[in-house]
C-alpha atoms as a PDB file:
ATOM      1  CA  MET A   1     -83.944-138.512  69.756  1.00  0.00           C
ATOM      2  CA  LYS A   2     -83.919-134.771  70.232  1.00  0.00           C
ATOM      3  CA  ILE A   3     -80.619-133.363  71.468  1.00  0.00           C
ATOM      4  CA  LYS A   4     -81.017-131.485  74.738  1.00  0.00           C
ATOM      5  CA  SER A   5     -77.644-131.782  76.435  1.00  0.00           C
ATOM      6  CA  ILE A   6     -74.213-131.227  74.873  1.00  0.00           C
ATOM      7  CA  LEU A   7     -70.763-131.984  76.263  1.00  0.00           C
ATOM      8  CA  ILE A   8     -67.912-129.819  74.998  1.00  0.00           C
ATOM      9  CA  ALA A   9     -64.396-131.063  75.766  1.00  0.00           C
ATOM     10  CA  ASN A  10     -61.940-128.264  75.100  1.00  0.00           C
ATOM     11  CA  HIS A  11     -58.949-127.198  77.171  1.00  0.00           C
ATOM     12  CA  HIS A  12     -58.817-123.737  75.578  1.00  0.00           C
ATOM     13  CA  THR A  13     -61.217-121.760  77.781  1.00  0.00           C
ATOM     14  CA  PRO A  14     -62.127-118.943  75.341  1.00  0.00           C
ATOM     15  CA  SER A  15     -63.021-121.425  72.599  1.00  0.00           C
ATOM     16  CA  GLY A  16     -65.046-123.615  74.937  1.00  0.00           C
ATOM     17  CA  ASN A  17     -66.908-120.618  76.309  1.00  0.00           C
ATOM     18  CA  PHE A  18     -67.694-119.371  72.802  1.00  0.00           C
ATOM     19  CA  ILE A  19     -69.075-122.758  71.737  1.00  0.00           C
ATOM     20  CA  ARG A  20     -71.076-122.992  74.975  1.00  0.00           C
ATOM     21  CA  GLU A  21     -72.582-119.536  74.381  1.00  0.00           C
ATOM     22  CA  VAL A  22     -73.606-120.407  70.814  1.00  0.00           C
ATOM     23  CA  PHE A  23     -75.443-123.563  71.880  1.00  0.00           C
ATOM     24  CA  SER A  24     -76.852-122.117  75.109  1.00  0.00           C
ATOM     25  CA  ARG A  25     -78.487-119.271  73.203  1.00  0.00           C
ATOM     26  CA  ARG A  26     -80.278-121.907  71.143  1.00  0.00           C
ATOM     27  CA  GLY A  27     -81.704-123.594  74.234  1.00  0.00           C
ATOM     28  CA  TYR A  28     -79.260-126.460  74.795  1.00  0.00           C
ATOM     29  CA  ASP A  29     -77.875-127.467  78.178  1.00  0.00           C
ATOM     30  CA  VAL A  30     -74.093-127.335  77.772  1.00  0.00           C
ATOM     31  CA  THR A  31     -71.381-128.801  79.974  1.00  0.00           C
ATOM     32  CA  ILE A  32     -67.678-128.091  79.449  1.00  0.00           C
ATOM     33  CA  ALA A  33     -64.879-130.514  80.292  1.00  0.00           C
ATOM     34  CA  CYS A  34     -61.361-129.067  80.430  1.00  0.00           C
ATOM     35  CA  ASN A  35     -59.438-132.309  79.915  1.00  0.00           C
ATOM     36  CA  GLY A  36     -59.847-135.874  78.701  1.00  0.00           C
ATOM     37  CA  ASP A  37     -60.315-137.382  82.151  1.00  0.00           C
ATOM     38  CA  GLU A  38     -63.165-135.028  82.969  1.00  0.00           C
ATOM     39  CA  ALA A  39     -64.757-135.607  79.550  1.00  0.00           C
ATOM     40  CA  GLU A  40     -64.536-139.368  79.989  1.00  0.00           C
ATOM     41  CA  SER A  41     -66.228-139.204  83.380  1.00  0.00           C
ATOM     42  CA  LEU A  42     -69.019-136.988  82.050  1.00  0.00           C
ATOM     43  CA  LEU A  43     -69.553-139.220  79.014  1.00  0.00           C
ATOM     44  CA  GLU A  44     -69.856-142.264  81.252  1.00  0.00           C
ATOM     45  CA  SER A  45     -72.698-140.558  83.126  1.00  0.00           C
ATOM     46  CA  GLY A  46     -74.840-140.877  79.984  1.00  0.00           C
ATOM     47  CA  GLU A  47     -76.377-137.422  80.431  1.00  0.00           C
ATOM     48  CA  HIS A  48     -75.296-135.958  77.091  1.00  0.00           C
ATOM     49  CA  GLN A  49     -76.749-136.716  73.668  1.00  0.00           C
ATOM     50  CA  LEU A  50     -73.935-134.960  71.747  1.00  0.00           C
ATOM     51  CA  ALA A  51     -70.232-134.549  72.475  1.00  0.00           C
ATOM     52  CA  ILE A  52     -67.918-132.082  70.752  1.00  0.00           C
ATOM     53  CA  LEU A  53     -64.429-133.325  71.569  1.00  0.00           C
ATOM     54  CA  GLU A  54     -61.049-131.696  71.068  1.00  0.00           C
ATOM     55  CA  ASP A  55     -58.454-134.160  69.841  1.00  0.00           C
ATOM     56  CA  GLY A  56     -55.425-132.652  71.613  1.00  0.00           C
ATOM     57  CA  MET A  57     -56.430-132.337  75.258  1.00  0.00           C
ATOM     58  CA  PRO A  58     -53.554-131.949  77.742  1.00  0.00           C
ATOM     59  CA  SER A  59     -54.384-134.827  80.104  1.00  0.00           C
ATOM     60  CA  GLY A  60     -56.325-138.032  79.848  1.00  0.00           C
ATOM     61  CA  PRO A  61     -57.640-139.551  76.632  1.00  0.00           C
ATOM     62  CA  SER A  62     -57.871-137.469  73.452  1.00  0.00           C
ATOM     63  CA  GLY A  63     -61.176-136.775  71.757  1.00  0.00           C
ATOM     64  CA  LEU A  64     -60.405-139.477  69.192  1.00  0.00           C
ATOM     65  CA  GLU A  65     -59.649-142.008  71.923  1.00  0.00           C
ATOM     66  CA  LEU A  66     -62.939-141.167  73.621  1.00  0.00           C
ATOM     67  CA  CYS A  67     -64.824-141.718  70.350  1.00  0.00           C
ATOM     68  CA  GLU A  68     -63.200-145.120  69.939  1.00  0.00           C
ATOM     69  CA  ARG A  69     -64.419-146.231  73.380  1.00  0.00           C
END
């Protein structure tokens, strides 16, 4: 499966924007979630082939908890 769409879950806006820019310049569709609840909802949609998850998000499940689900 070729990766086309990436989810980045990161509550630190400058970091998330930097990561988005790096992948976008390489042709990937990138979505950013600012907290665990938003990331969980986006992951459940099944639209993303890769998720880069921060472990210490301020609300909702952590990145590690999302991986375990």
